[in-house]
Amino acid sequence: MRNKAGPGAAPPVMGQDRINHNIEDTVMTPNVGGMDRTLRIVAGLALLSLFFLLEGNARYWGLIGIVPILTGTFRWCPAYLPFGISTCSTKKG
């Protein structure tokens, strides 16, 4: 097997390309679809508004709205990974 990285580079690790390929398939692959994305962002904004509407220590519960805003924005939900859930539509080919 020839090292394509050039002289002085470390030799490739056996199976490394397969490991990287599997990681790329699961990490940050969009799994939040259009309607799910919209609902997450709207719900996140509603929760985040509680931070500004409530008084005292209860207002900090509104910060949990950041989570659905981020998952909707990045179209990736880590809670979906263990269950293999994806609300993204599949492309017809």
Foldseek 3Di string as FASTA:
>chain_A
DDDPPDPPDDRDDVCPVVVVVVCVVQPLDQQAADVSLVVLLVVLVVLLVLLVVDDDPVSVSSVVSVVSNVCSVSNHDPVCRVVVHGPHDDDDD
